[in-house]
């Protein structure tokens, strides 16, 4: 019994150690701890401990990790160990992807999350905003930027492209303010080429939906 309790404590300590390393942005240490966890005889216990962790707003450990500007490979390791985390939303309806976009995670982290969970791309949060809308809102020059989280404008411009390509069908979605992704990008006064692409996609989506509605109407009349 003592041996089992000791093993559980070690598993719990490893799980909490990786959180502390992430808080301090000590990613080399976090990688070493993850390697210890994954090769340990008690890996299942450590991963279960991570899986059960809850943070503010009922966020899971992947939400937390994505808020710390993590390395993409560490994010992928966690998703592979706990694949359900990427599809969980917090009390504000935000997936880990929402958090990653809002807090300035790298494009590689964003790409990893997009590849693993398309629901995170298309789902609006409690304010009605999708990750694409948030990226468009933040994709502004330093002159117009008031958000302290935005360190590099080109990062958000690239993320806008990633999210747009992943789910162009949500381009006409409106948030609680009645704003679309295109509206936010126009407000940012940058990326005129992307504005044109988004406008074109918006029109194409409107035409597609109109065609579907007309086809369904014809079938119902028949």
C-alpha atoms as a PDB file:
ATOM      1  CA  UNK A   1       0.000   0.000   0.000  1.00  0.00           C
ATOM      2  CA  UNK A   2       2.825   2.391   0.881  1.00  0.00           C
ATOM      3  CA  UNK A   3       4.523   1.712  -2.456  1.00  0.00           C
ATOM      4  CA  UNK A   4       1.285   2.404  -4.343  1.00  0.00           C
ATOM      5  CA  UNK A   5       0.691   5.661  -2.451  1.00  0.00           C
ATOM      6  CA  UNK A   6       4.255   6.764  -3.160  1.00  0.00           C
ATOM      7  CA  UNK A   7       3.817   6.044  -6.868  1.00  0.00           C
ATOM      8  CA  UNK A   8       0.601   8.059  -6.937  1.00  0.00           C
ATOM      9  CA  UNK A   9       2.295  10.990  -5.230  1.00  0.00           C
ATOM     10  CA  UNK A  10       5.112  10.897  -7.756  1.00  0.00           C
ATOM     11  CA  UNK A  11       2.618  10.796 -10.624  1.00  0.00           C
ATOM     12  CA  UNK A  12       0.737  13.757  -9.152  1.00  0.00           C
ATOM     13  CA  UNK A  13       3.973  15.678  -8.557  1.00  0.00           C
ATOM     14  CA  UNK A  14       5.038  15.215 -12.186  1.00  0.00           C
ATOM     15  CA  UNK A  15       1.676  16.473 -13.421  1.00  0.00           C
ATOM     16  CA  UNK A  16       1.818  19.566 -11.232  1.00  0.00           C
ATOM     17  CA  UNK A  17       5.471  20.158 -12.098  1.00  0.00           C
ATOM     18  CA  UNK A  18       4.659  20.508 -15.782  1.00  0.00           C
ATOM     19  CA  UNK A  19       2.019  23.109 -14.894  1.00  0.00           C
ATOM     20  CA  UNK A  20       4.533  25.086 -12.852  1.00  0.00           C
ATOM     21  CA  UNK A  21       7.033  24.925 -15.715  1.00  0.00           C
ATOM     22  CA  UNK A  22       4.383  26.223 -18.123  1.00  0.00           C
ATOM     23  CA  UNK A  23       3.475  29.068 -15.776  1.00  0.00           C
ATOM     24  CA  UNK A  24       7.122  30.133 -15.779  1.00  0.00           C
ATOM     25  CA  UNK A  25       7.459  29.583 -19.541  1.00  0.00           C
ATOM     26  CA  UNK A  26      10.277  27.117 -18.858  1.00  0.00           C
ATOM     27  CA  UNK A  27       9.617  24.988 -21.900  1.00  0.00           C
ATOM     28  CA  UNK A  28      12.842  23.004 -21.832  1.00  0.00           C
ATOM     29  CA  UNK A  29      11.926  21.892 -18.337  1.00  0.00           C
ATOM     30  CA  UNK A  30       8.369  21.160 -19.420  1.00  0.00           C
ATOM     31  CA  UNK A  31       9.682  18.961 -22.228  1.00  0.00           C
ATOM     32  CA  UNK A  32      11.906  17.048 -19.796  1.00  0.00           C
ATOM     33  CA  UNK A  33       9.012  16.515 -17.404  1.00  0.00           C
ATOM     34  CA  UNK A  34       6.772  15.335 -20.237  1.00  0.00           C
ATOM     35  CA  UNK A  35       9.434  12.857 -21.299  1.00  0.00           C
ATOM     36  CA  UNK A  36       9.621  11.594 -17.709  1.00  0.00           C
ATOM     37  CA  UNK A  37       5.846  11.267 -17.606  1.00  0.00           C
ATOM     38  CA  UNK A  38       5.557   9.444 -20.925  1.00  0.00           C
ATOM     39  CA  UNK A  39       8.318   6.946 -20.111  1.00  0.00           C
ATOM     40  CA  UNK A  40       7.338   6.375 -16.494  1.00  0.00           C
ATOM     41  CA  UNK A  41       5.776   3.151 -15.292  1.00  0.00           C
ATOM     42  CA  UNK A  42       3.031   5.366 -13.878  1.00  0.00           C
ATOM     43  CA  UNK A  43       2.405   7.415 -17.022  1.00  0.00           C
ATOM     44  CA  UNK A  44      -1.304   6.567 -16.951  1.00  0.00           C
ATOM     45  CA  UNK A  45      -1.663   8.041 -13.467  1.00  0.00           C
ATOM     46  CA  UNK A  46       0.203  11.253 -14.340  1.00  0.00           C
ATOM     47  CA  UNK A  47      -1.819  11.766 -17.520  1.00  0.00           C
ATOM     48  CA  UNK A  48      -5.051  11.088 -15.630  1.00  0.00           C
ATOM     49  CA  UNK A  49      -4.003  13.733 -13.111  1.00  0.00           C
ATOM     50  CA  UNK A  50      -3.455  16.244 -15.924  1.00  0.00           C
ATOM     51  CA  UNK A  51      -6.748  15.239 -17.549  1.00  0.00           C
ATOM     52  CA  UNK A  52      -8.665  15.901 -14.333  1.00  0.00           C
ATOM     53  CA  UNK A  53      -7.197  19.352 -13.676  1.00  0.00           C
ATOM     54  CA  UNK A  54      -9.551  22.311 -13.817  1.00  0.00           C
ATOM     55  CA  UNK A  55      -8.618  25.977 -13.977  1.00  0.00           C
ATOM     56  CA  UNK A  56     -10.596  29.220 -13.917  1.00  0.00           C
ATOM     57  CA  UNK A  57     -13.824  29.301 -15.949  1.00  0.00           C
ATOM     58  CA  UNK A  58     -13.813  25.468 -15.915  1.00  0.00           C
ATOM     59  CA  UNK A  59     -10.926  25.393 -18.367  1.00  0.00           C
ATOM     60  CA  UNK A  60      -9.015  22.167 -18.802  1.00  0.00           C
ATOM     61  CA  UNK A  61      -5.247  21.728 -18.883  1.00  0.00           C
ATOM     62  CA  UNK A  62      -5.114  22.254 -22.669  1.00  0.00           C
ATOM     63  CA  UNK A  63      -6.927  25.591 -22.317  1.00  0.00           C
ATOM     64  CA  UNK A  64      -4.336  26.536 -19.707  1.00  0.00           C
ATOM     65  CA  UNK A  65      -1.395  25.389 -21.785  1.00  0.00           C
ATOM     66  CA  UNK A  66      -2.628  27.261 -24.876  1.00  0.00           C
ATOM     67  CA  UNK A  67      -2.799  30.474 -22.857  1.00  0.00           C
ATOM     68  CA  UNK A  68       0.936  30.323 -22.120  1.00  0.00           C
ATOM     69  CA  UNK A  69       2.287  30.577 -25.718  1.00  0.00           C
ATOM     70  CA  UNK A  70       3.470  26.953 -25.650  1.00  0.00           C
ATOM     71  CA  UNK A  71       5.572  24.985 -28.152  1.00  0.00           C
ATOM     72  CA  UNK A  72       3.388  23.203 -30.702  1.00  0.00           C
ATOM     73  CA  UNK A  73       4.940  19.797 -30.055  1.00  0.00           C
ATOM     74  CA  UNK A  74       4.003  19.949 -26.366  1.00  0.00           C
ATOM     75  CA  UNK A  75       0.425  20.819 -27.320  1.00  0.00           C
ATOM     76  CA  UNK A  76       0.326  17.880 -29.713  1.00  0.00           C
ATOM     77  CA  UNK A  77       1.783  15.532 -27.083  1.00  0.00           C
ATOM     78  CA  UNK A  78      -0.970  16.495 -24.658  1.00  0.00           C
ATOM     79  CA  UNK A  79      -3.681  16.080 -27.296  1.00  0.00           C
ATOM     80  CA  UNK A  80      -2.371  12.647 -28.255  1.00  0.00           C
ATOM     81  CA  UNK A  81      -2.386  11.612 -24.603  1.00  0.00           C
ATOM     82  CA  UNK A  82      -5.821  13.157 -23.878  1.00  0.00           C
ATOM     83  CA  UNK A  83      -7.600  13.551 -27.255  1.00  0.00           C
ATOM     84  CA  UNK A  84     -10.895  14.689 -25.756  1.00  0.00           C
ATOM     85  CA  UNK A  85      -9.389  17.868 -24.261  1.00  0.00           C
ATOM     86  CA  UNK A  86      -9.220  19.690 -27.598  1.00  0.00           C
ATOM     87  CA  UNK A  87     -12.997  19.421 -28.066  1.00  0.00           C
ATOM     88  CA  UNK A  88     -13.972  20.735 -24.637  1.00  0.00           C
ATOM     89  CA  UNK A  89     -15.278  24.263 -24.112  1.00  0.00           C
ATOM     90  CA  UNK A  90     -15.162  26.329 -20.926  1.00  0.00           C
ATOM     91  CA  UNK A  91     -18.053  28.178 -19.273  1.00  0.00           C
ATOM     92  CA  UNK A  92     -17.696  30.937 -21.878  1.00  0.00           C
ATOM     93  CA  UNK A  93     -18.052  28.499 -24.762  1.00  0.00           C
ATOM     94  CA  UNK A  94     -14.378  28.829 -25.633  1.00  0.00           C
ATOM     95  CA  UNK A  95     -12.403  25.900 -26.981  1.00  0.00           C
ATOM     96  CA  UNK A  96      -8.617  25.709 -26.530  1.00  0.00           C
ATOM     97  CA  UNK A  97      -8.386  27.214 -30.036  1.00  0.00           C
ATOM     98  CA  UNK A  98     -10.269  30.331 -28.910  1.00  0.00           C
ATOM     99  CA  UNK A  99      -7.775  30.743 -26.065  1.00  0.00           C
ATOM    100  CA  UNK A 100      -4.760  30.132 -28.296  1.00  0.00           C
ATOM    101  CA  UNK A 101      -5.884  32.769 -30.809  1.00  0.00           C
ATOM    102  CA  UNK A 102      -6.815  35.321 -28.165  1.00  0.00           C
ATOM    103  CA  UNK A 103      -3.551  35.017 -26.229  1.00  0.00           C
ATOM    104  CA  UNK A 104      -1.152  35.050 -29.153  1.00  0.00           C
ATOM    105  CA  UNK A 105      -0.114  31.402 -29.498  1.00  0.00           C
ATOM    106  CA  UNK A 106       2.084  30.632 -32.487  1.00  0.00           C
ATOM    107  CA  UNK A 107       0.653  29.767 -35.883  1.00  0.00           C
ATOM    108  CA  UNK A 108       1.988  26.225 -35.385  1.00  0.00           C
ATOM    109  CA  UNK A 109      -0.073  25.801 -32.213  1.00  0.00           C
ATOM    110  CA  UNK A 110      -3.117  27.173 -34.035  1.00  0.00           C
ATOM    111  CA  UNK A 111      -2.541  24.801 -36.961  1.00  0.00           C
ATOM    112  CA  UNK A 112      -2.223  21.877 -34.551  1.00  0.00           C
ATOM    113  CA  UNK A 113      -5.524  22.723 -32.843  1.00  0.00           C
ATOM    114  CA  UNK A 114      -7.281  23.284 -36.180  1.00  0.00           C
ATOM    115  CA  UNK A 115      -6.069  19.922 -37.479  1.00  0.00           C
ATOM    116  CA  UNK A 116      -7.256  18.126 -34.354  1.00  0.00           C
ATOM    117  CA  UNK A 117     -10.706  19.709 -33.903  1.00  0.00           C
ATOM    118  CA  UNK A 118     -12.679  21.508 -36.596  1.00  0.00           C
ATOM    119  CA  UNK A 119     -15.457  22.187 -34.060  1.00  0.00           C
ATOM    120  CA  UNK A 120     -13.143  24.654 -32.370  1.00  0.00           C
ATOM    121  CA  UNK A 121     -12.867  26.573 -35.652  1.00  0.00           C
ATOM    122  CA  UNK A 122     -16.577  26.859 -36.395  1.00  0.00           C
ATOM    123  CA  UNK A 123     -18.004  27.247 -32.876  1.00  0.00           C
ATOM    124  CA  UNK A 124     -18.766  30.739 -31.536  1.00  0.00           C
ATOM    125  CA  UNK A 125     -18.110  31.543 -27.886  1.00  0.00           C
ATOM    126  CA  UNK A 126     -20.577  33.202 -25.512  1.00  0.00           C
ATOM    127  CA  UNK A 127     -20.049  36.565 -27.254  1.00  0.00           C
ATOM    128  CA  UNK A 128     -20.840  34.979 -30.610  1.00  0.00           C
ATOM    129  CA  UNK A 129     -17.251  35.224 -31.826  1.00  0.00           C
ATOM    130  CA  UNK A 130     -15.449  32.442 -33.658  1.00  0.00           C
ATOM    131  CA  UNK A 131     -11.640  32.198 -33.498  1.00  0.00           C
ATOM    132  CA  UNK A 132     -11.545  33.709 -37.007  1.00  0.00           C
ATOM    133  CA  UNK A 133     -13.445  36.759 -35.802  1.00  0.00           C
ATOM    134  CA  UNK A 134     -11.110  37.152 -32.838  1.00  0.00           C
ATOM    135  CA  UNK A 135      -8.069  36.901 -35.107  1.00  0.00           C
ATOM    136  CA  UNK A 136      -9.544  39.539 -37.438  1.00  0.00           C
ATOM    137  CA  UNK A 137     -10.264  41.765 -34.448  1.00  0.00           C
ATOM    138  CA  UNK A 138      -6.652  41.486 -33.277  1.00  0.00           C
ATOM    139  CA  UNK A 139      -5.004  41.621 -36.702  1.00  0.00           C
ATOM    140  CA  UNK A 140      -4.274  45.312 -36.640  1.00  0.00           C
ATOM    141  CA  UNK A 141      -1.181  47.458 -36.829  1.00  0.00           C
ATOM    142  CA  UNK A 142       0.552  48.649 -33.673  1.00  0.00           C
ATOM    143  CA  UNK A 143      -0.828  52.118 -34.365  1.00  0.00           C
ATOM    144  CA  UNK A 144      -4.394  50.944 -33.934  1.00  0.00           C
ATOM    145  CA  UNK A 145      -3.752  48.114 -31.446  1.00  0.00           C
ATOM    146  CA  UNK A 146      -4.809  48.610 -27.821  1.00  0.00           C
ATOM    147  CA  UNK A 147      -4.615  44.923 -26.827  1.00  0.00           C
ATOM    148  CA  UNK A 148      -1.479  44.191 -24.732  1.00  0.00           C
ATOM    149  CA  UNK A 149      -1.605  40.540 -25.816  1.00  0.00           C
ATOM    150  CA  UNK A 150      -0.797  41.386 -29.428  1.00  0.00           C
ATOM    151  CA  UNK A 151       2.979  41.416 -29.805  1.00  0.00           C
ATOM    152  CA  UNK A 152       3.324  40.781 -33.539  1.00  0.00           C
ATOM    153  CA  UNK A 153       0.683  41.876 -36.022  1.00  0.00           C
ATOM    154  CA  UNK A 154       1.954  39.548 -38.811  1.00  0.00           C
ATOM    155  CA  UNK A 155       1.202  36.585 -36.530  1.00  0.00           C
ATOM    156  CA  UNK A 156      -2.499  37.437 -36.539  1.00  0.00           C
ATOM    157  CA  UNK A 157      -2.526  38.057 -40.259  1.00  0.00           C
ATOM    158  CA  UNK A 158      -1.191  34.536 -40.787  1.00  0.00           C
ATOM    159  CA  UNK A 159      -3.688  33.075 -38.314  1.00  0.00           C
ATOM    160  CA  UNK A 160      -6.541  34.818 -40.143  1.00  0.00           C
ATOM    161  CA  UNK A 161      -5.475  32.972 -43.288  1.00  0.00           C
ATOM    162  CA  UNK A 162      -5.199  29.619 -41.484  1.00  0.00           C
ATOM    163  CA  UNK A 163      -8.666  29.882 -39.938  1.00  0.00           C
ATOM    164  CA  UNK A 164     -10.271  31.204 -43.115  1.00  0.00           C
ATOM    165  CA  UNK A 165      -8.910  28.319 -45.191  1.00  0.00           C
ATOM    166  CA  UNK A 166     -10.006  25.795 -42.538  1.00  0.00           C
ATOM    167  CA  UNK A 167     -13.650  26.894 -42.476  1.00  0.00           C
ATOM    168  CA  UNK A 168     -14.673  29.469 -45.108  1.00  0.00           C
ATOM    169  CA  UNK A 169     -18.328  28.555 -44.590  1.00  0.00           C
ATOM    170  CA  UNK A 170     -18.518  30.563 -41.334  1.00  0.00           C
ATOM    171  CA  UNK A 171     -17.512  33.816 -42.975  1.00  0.00           C
ATOM    172  CA  UNK A 172     -20.983  35.367 -42.655  1.00  0.00           C
ATOM    173  CA  UNK A 173     -21.482  34.475 -39.007  1.00  0.00           C
ATOM    174  CA  UNK A 174     -22.312  37.513 -36.855  1.00  0.00           C
ATOM    175  CA  UNK A 175     -21.462  38.027 -33.200  1.00  0.00           C
ATOM    176  CA  UNK A 176     -23.603  39.751 -30.588  1.00  0.00           C
ATOM    177  CA  UNK A 177     -22.571  43.129 -31.988  1.00  0.00           C
ATOM    178  CA  UNK A 178     -23.774  42.160 -35.445  1.00  0.00           C
ATOM    179  CA  UNK A 179     -20.186  42.092 -36.714  1.00  0.00           C
ATOM    180  CA  UNK A 180     -18.690  39.524 -39.083  1.00  0.00           C
ATOM    181  CA  UNK A 181     -15.042  38.546 -39.525  1.00  0.00           C
ATOM    182  CA  UNK A 182     -14.879  40.824 -42.567  1.00  0.00           C
ATOM    183  CA  UNK A 183     -16.212  43.749 -40.529  1.00  0.00           C
ATOM    184  CA  UNK A 184     -13.494  43.318 -37.929  1.00  0.00           C
ATOM    185  CA  UNK A 185     -10.796  43.039 -40.553  1.00  0.00           C
ATOM    186  CA  UNK A 186     -12.022  46.215 -42.267  1.00  0.00           C
ATOM    187  CA  UNK A 187     -11.901  47.984 -38.901  1.00  0.00           C
ATOM    188  CA  UNK A 188      -8.270  46.874 -38.572  1.00  0.00           C
ATOM    189  CA  UNK A 189      -7.492  48.843 -41.779  1.00  0.00           C
ATOM    190  CA  UNK A 190      -4.978  46.280 -42.982  1.00  0.00           C
ATOM    191  CA  UNK A 191      -4.754  43.222 -45.255  1.00  0.00           C
ATOM    192  CA  UNK A 192      -6.752  44.608 -48.200  1.00  0.00           C
ATOM    193  CA  UNK A 193      -6.069  41.406 -50.169  1.00  0.00           C
ATOM    194  CA  UNK A 194      -7.562  39.292 -47.392  1.00  0.00           C
ATOM    195  CA  UNK A 195     -10.534  41.637 -47.081  1.00  0.00           C
ATOM    196  CA  UNK A 196     -11.251  41.080 -50.779  1.00  0.00           C
ATOM    197  CA  UNK A 197     -10.880  37.315 -50.372  1.00  0.00           C
ATOM    198  CA  UNK A 198     -13.192  37.273 -47.382  1.00  0.00           C
ATOM    199  CA  UNK A 199     -15.753  39.440 -49.164  1.00  0.00           C
ATOM    200  CA  UNK A 200     -15.637  37.104 -52.147  1.00  0.00           C
ATOM    201  CA  UNK A 201     -16.032  34.092 -49.870  1.00  0.00           C
ATOM    202  CA  UNK A 202     -18.927  35.815 -48.119  1.00  0.00           C
ATOM    203  CA  UNK A 203     -20.732  36.365 -51.422  1.00  0.00           C
ATOM    204  CA  UNK A 204     -20.027  32.794 -52.541  1.00  0.00           C
ATOM    205  CA  UNK A 205     -21.424  31.429 -49.295  1.00  0.00           C
ATOM    206  CA  UNK A 206     -24.541  33.573 -49.617  1.00  0.00           C
ATOM    207  CA  UNK A 207     -25.072  32.303 -53.170  1.00  0.00           C
ATOM    208  CA  UNK A 208     -24.483  28.708 -52.086  1.00  0.00           C
ATOM    209  CA  UNK A 209     -27.061  28.962 -49.320  1.00  0.00           C
ATOM    210  CA  UNK A 210     -29.531  30.622 -51.669  1.00  0.00           C
ATOM    211  CA  UNK A 211     -29.089  27.764 -54.151  1.00  0.00           C
ATOM    212  CA  UNK A 212     -29.678  25.223 -51.386  1.00  0.00           C
ATOM    213  CA  UNK A 213     -32.801  27.058 -50.180  1.00  0.00           C
ATOM    214  CA  UNK A 214     -34.175  27.244 -53.733  1.00  0.00           C
ATOM    215  CA  UNK A 215     -33.488  23.546 -54.280  1.00  0.00           C
ATOM    216  CA  UNK A 216     -35.224  22.606 -51.050  1.00  0.00           C
ATOM    217  CA  UNK A 217     -38.155  24.861 -51.947  1.00  0.00           C
ATOM    218  CA  UNK A 218     -38.526  23.187 -55.335  1.00  0.00           C
ATOM    219  CA  UNK A 219     -38.540  19.744 -53.750  1.00  0.00           C
ATOM    220  CA  UNK A 220     -41.179  20.720 -51.197  1.00  0.00           C
ATOM    221  CA  UNK A 221     -43.426  22.148 -53.918  1.00  0.00           C
ATOM    222  CA  UNK A 222     -43.084  18.938 -55.959  1.00  0.00           C
END
